[in-house]
Every structure is written in structure tokens, then in C-alpha cells.
Amino acid sequence: MEINLIKYRGSSSTTFTDRDWGENARKDLKLDELDDENGVVSIIIPKGTTSFNPSFYLGLFFQSYKKLNIEGFGKKYNLLFEDENNLEGFNELLKEDLDDGRRQAKDELINNYGL
């Protein structure tokens, strides 16, 4: 199964941001149900995306991390770039954003907030 997130970026935006927006996207995409189904889900980050804020990432995926655990999440969800060969270099920045989102999800799972 493939899901393109373009609908959740906003018509004039190049960024994914806000935990509430991520949670709303999660509900709309029925990720709670997908978590329980067999098979891999490819999440497509649309062409032209310049930022994927960890708050949106957590809103979209944190419940899946809780349900599937870290390893299970990685087996279930595959995050892909629609434009893998982005000439402006945004994919490297987006990879850092996604890594930050993963790190924050892991920290929240073990209640490690760096305090």
C-alpha cells in the first residue's frame, strides 16, 4: 500500500508541521487500522517538501510506535521521497528531520526527555 502525504502539507506550504495536524492526518489515513493489518505501507513524502517537523511526525506516527514498538514500526512503515534525486538538496535535510522525529519518538517511548 502507498500513501502520498501531499494532502496534509497544505496547498501553499512546503512543510509538514504541528502535532495536531499530524494527529488529524493519522485519523484521516486510518493508521490505527493499518497498524493491525498485514503488509508494508509506503509513506510518500511529496516532491517540493522542504521540512518535516518532528511535531508532525509524532502526531502522525507516535501511536504506531507505541503499538508496534520501534522495530515493528520500521518493518511496517517505509518512508520514501517522491523526488529521490532532489537537485536542491532538500532530501538530506528531510532525512535529518525524519531522523529527529524517530529519535523523539524513541525518547517519548522510554520517557527520556533530556531533563
C-alpha atoms as a PDB file:
ATOM      1  CA  MET A   1       0.000   0.000   0.000  1.00  0.00           C
ATOM      2  CA  GLU A   2       1.183   3.521  -0.792  1.00  0.00           C
ATOM      3  CA  ILE A   3       0.127   6.767   0.866  1.00  0.00           C
ATOM      4  CA  ASN A   4       1.174  10.145  -0.516  1.00  0.00           C
ATOM      5  CA  LEU A   5       1.110  12.847   2.173  1.00  0.00           C
ATOM      6  CA  ILE A   6       0.598  15.804  -0.206  1.00  0.00           C
ATOM      7  CA  LYS A   7      -2.951  16.362   1.088  1.00  0.00           C
ATOM      8  CA  TYR A   8      -1.612  17.015   4.590  1.00  0.00           C
ATOM      9  CA  ARG A   9       1.068  19.526   3.644  1.00  0.00           C
ATOM     10  CA  GLY A  10      -1.324  22.307   2.729  1.00  0.00           C
ATOM     11  CA  SER A  11      -1.890  23.867  -0.673  1.00  0.00           C
ATOM     12  CA  SER A  12       0.679  26.657  -0.426  1.00  0.00           C
ATOM     13  CA  SER A  13       3.106  25.065   2.017  1.00  0.00           C
ATOM     14  CA  THR A  14       6.314  23.113   1.569  1.00  0.00           C
ATOM     15  CA  THR A  15       6.450  21.915   5.177  1.00  0.00           C
ATOM     16  CA  PHE A  16       4.748  19.397   7.425  1.00  0.00           C
ATOM     17  CA  THR A  17       4.331  20.859  10.872  1.00  0.00           C
ATOM     18  CA  ASP A  18       2.167  20.797  14.019  1.00  0.00           C
ATOM     19  CA  ARG A  19       1.410  17.720  16.096  1.00  0.00           C
ATOM     20  CA  ASP A  20      -2.341  18.283  15.850  1.00  0.00           C
ATOM     21  CA  TRP A  21      -2.101  18.286  12.039  1.00  0.00           C
ATOM     22  CA  GLY A  22      -0.163  15.030  12.209  1.00  0.00           C
ATOM     23  CA  GLU A  23      -2.800  13.520  14.503  1.00  0.00           C
ATOM     24  CA  ASN A  24      -5.568  14.652  12.142  1.00  0.00           C
ATOM     25  CA  ALA A  25      -3.724  13.115   9.186  1.00  0.00           C
ATOM     26  CA  ARG A  26      -3.340   9.901  11.203  1.00  0.00           C
ATOM     27  CA  LYS A  27      -7.091   9.737  11.794  1.00  0.00           C
ATOM     28  CA  ASP A  28      -7.900  10.543   8.173  1.00  0.00           C
ATOM     29  CA  LEU A  29      -5.458   7.880   6.928  1.00  0.00           C
ATOM     30  CA  LYS A  30      -6.797   5.366   9.467  1.00  0.00           C
ATOM     31  CA  LEU A  31      -3.307   4.429  10.581  1.00  0.00           C
ATOM     32  CA  ASP A  32      -4.687   2.768  13.731  1.00  0.00           C
ATOM     33  CA  GLU A  33      -6.384   0.233  11.454  1.00  0.00           C
ATOM     34  CA  LEU A  34      -3.353  -0.082   9.167  1.00  0.00           C
ATOM     35  CA  ASP A  35      -1.167  -0.834  12.197  1.00  0.00           C
ATOM     36  CA  ASP A  36      -3.229  -4.002  12.704  1.00  0.00           C
ATOM     37  CA  GLU A  37      -3.160  -5.161   9.071  1.00  0.00           C
ATOM     38  CA  ASN A  38      -0.513  -7.295   7.428  1.00  0.00           C
ATOM     39  CA  GLY A  39       1.788  -5.812   4.837  1.00  0.00           C
ATOM     40  CA  VAL A  40       4.090  -2.874   4.408  1.00  0.00           C
ATOM     41  CA  VAL A  41       2.859   0.691   3.994  1.00  0.00           C
ATOM     42  CA  SER A  42       4.971   3.082   1.917  1.00  0.00           C
ATOM     43  CA  ILE A  43       4.582   6.685   3.026  1.00  0.00           C
ATOM     44  CA  ILE A  44       5.471   9.058   0.197  1.00  0.00           C
ATOM     45  CA  ILE A  45       6.890  12.446   1.118  1.00  0.00           C
ATOM     46  CA  PRO A  46       5.831  14.629  -1.812  1.00  0.00           C
ATOM     47  CA  LYS A  47       8.079  16.462  -4.218  1.00  0.00           C
ATOM     48  CA  GLY A  48       8.804  20.018  -3.129  1.00  0.00           C
ATOM     49  CA  THR A  49       8.780  19.274   0.610  1.00  0.00           C
ATOM     50  CA  THR A  50      11.387  21.349   2.435  1.00  0.00           C
ATOM     51  CA  SER A  51      10.722  20.358   6.056  1.00  0.00           C
ATOM     52  CA  PHE A  52       9.125  17.511   8.027  1.00  0.00           C
ATOM     53  CA  ASN A  53       8.824  18.814  11.568  1.00  0.00           C
ATOM     54  CA  PRO A  54       9.188  16.280  14.391  1.00  0.00           C
ATOM     55  CA  SER A  55       5.915  17.502  15.895  1.00  0.00           C
ATOM     56  CA  PHE A  56       4.001  16.446  12.755  1.00  0.00           C
ATOM     57  CA  TYR A  57       5.985  13.189  12.675  1.00  0.00           C
ATOM     58  CA  LEU A  58       4.995  12.401  16.260  1.00  0.00           C
ATOM     59  CA  GLY A  59       1.345  13.274  15.653  1.00  0.00           C
ATOM     60  CA  LEU A  60       1.291  11.029  12.609  1.00  0.00           C
ATOM     61  CA  PHE A  61       3.331   8.081  13.864  1.00  0.00           C
ATOM     62  CA  PHE A  62       3.736   8.026  17.650  1.00  0.00           C
ATOM     63  CA  GLN A  63       0.722   5.794  18.297  1.00  0.00           C
ATOM     64  CA  SER A  64       2.139   3.331  15.755  1.00  0.00           C
ATOM     65  CA  TYR A  65       5.446   3.321  17.639  1.00  0.00           C
ATOM     66  CA  LYS A  66       3.553   2.576  20.852  1.00  0.00           C
ATOM     67  CA  LYS A  67       1.571  -0.232  19.272  1.00  0.00           C
ATOM     68  CA  LEU A  68       4.243  -1.807  17.053  1.00  0.00           C
ATOM     69  CA  ASN A  69       7.419  -0.894  19.000  1.00  0.00           C
ATOM     70  CA  ILE A  70      10.456   0.619  17.311  1.00  0.00           C
ATOM     71  CA  GLU A  71      11.449  -2.458  15.323  1.00  0.00           C
ATOM     72  CA  GLY A  72       7.880  -3.227  14.275  1.00  0.00           C
ATOM     73  CA  PHE A  73       7.350   0.330  13.090  1.00  0.00           C
ATOM     74  CA  GLY A  74      10.424   0.071  10.867  1.00  0.00           C
ATOM     75  CA  LYS A  75       9.106  -3.135   9.326  1.00  0.00           C
ATOM     76  CA  LYS A  76       5.591  -1.774   8.781  1.00  0.00           C
ATOM     77  CA  TYR A  77       6.210   1.760   7.509  1.00  0.00           C
ATOM     78  CA  ASN A  78       8.628   2.695   4.776  1.00  0.00           C
ATOM     79  CA  LEU A  79       9.140   6.453   4.303  1.00  0.00           C
ATOM     80  CA  LEU A  80      10.094   7.361   0.755  1.00  0.00           C
ATOM     81  CA  PHE A  81      10.760  10.564  -1.141  1.00  0.00           C
ATOM     82  CA  GLU A  82       8.667  11.162  -4.240  1.00  0.00           C
ATOM     83  CA  ASP A  83      11.652  13.014  -5.692  1.00  0.00           C
ATOM     84  CA  GLU A  84      14.595  10.849  -4.633  1.00  0.00           C
ATOM     85  CA  ASN A  85      17.001  12.881  -6.760  1.00  0.00           C
ATOM     86  CA  ASN A  86      16.113  16.323  -5.442  1.00  0.00           C
ATOM     87  CA  LEU A  87      18.619  18.676  -7.027  1.00  0.00           C
ATOM     88  CA  GLU A  88      18.212  21.371  -4.386  1.00  0.00           C
ATOM     89  CA  GLY A  89      19.476  19.136  -1.593  1.00  0.00           C
ATOM     90  CA  PHE A  90      16.304  19.158   0.485  1.00  0.00           C
ATOM     91  CA  ASN A  91      16.262  15.367   0.773  1.00  0.00           C
ATOM     92  CA  GLU A  92      19.345  15.440   3.008  1.00  0.00           C
ATOM     93  CA  LEU A  93      17.630  17.976   5.267  1.00  0.00           C
ATOM     94  CA  LEU A  94      14.438  15.931   5.211  1.00  0.00           C
ATOM     95  CA  LYS A  95      16.379  12.810   6.180  1.00  0.00           C
ATOM     96  CA  GLU A  96      17.700  14.726   9.182  1.00  0.00           C
ATOM     97  CA  ASP A  97      14.140  15.833  10.031  1.00  0.00           C
ATOM     98  CA  LEU A  98      12.913  12.230   9.857  1.00  0.00           C
ATOM     99  CA  ASP A  99      15.834  11.025  11.978  1.00  0.00           C
ATOM    100  CA  ASP A 100      14.955  13.690  14.543  1.00  0.00           C
ATOM    101  CA  GLY A 101      11.321  12.557  14.522  1.00  0.00           C
ATOM    102  CA  ARG A 102      12.391   8.925  15.044  1.00  0.00           C
ATOM    103  CA  ARG A 103      14.711   9.916  17.871  1.00  0.00           C
ATOM    104  CA  GLN A 104      11.971  11.916  19.591  1.00  0.00           C
ATOM    105  CA  ALA A 105       9.506   9.037  19.212  1.00  0.00           C
ATOM    106  CA  LYS A 106      12.025   6.649  20.786  1.00  0.00           C
ATOM    107  CA  ASP A 107      12.695   9.123  23.602  1.00  0.00           C
ATOM    108  CA  GLU A 108       8.994   9.501  24.303  1.00  0.00           C
ATOM    109  CA  LEU A 109       8.584   5.731  24.380  1.00  0.00           C
ATOM    110  CA  ILE A 110      11.139   5.459  27.170  1.00  0.00           C
ATOM    111  CA  ASN A 111      10.142   8.763  28.790  1.00  0.00           C
ATOM    112  CA  ASN A 112      13.564  10.264  28.118  1.00  0.00           C
ATOM    113  CA  TYR A 113      13.057  13.970  27.604  1.00  0.00           C
ATOM    114  CA  GLY A 114      16.642  15.028  28.210  1.00  0.00           C
ATOM    115  CA  LEU A 115      15.880  16.651  31.558  1.00  0.00           C
END
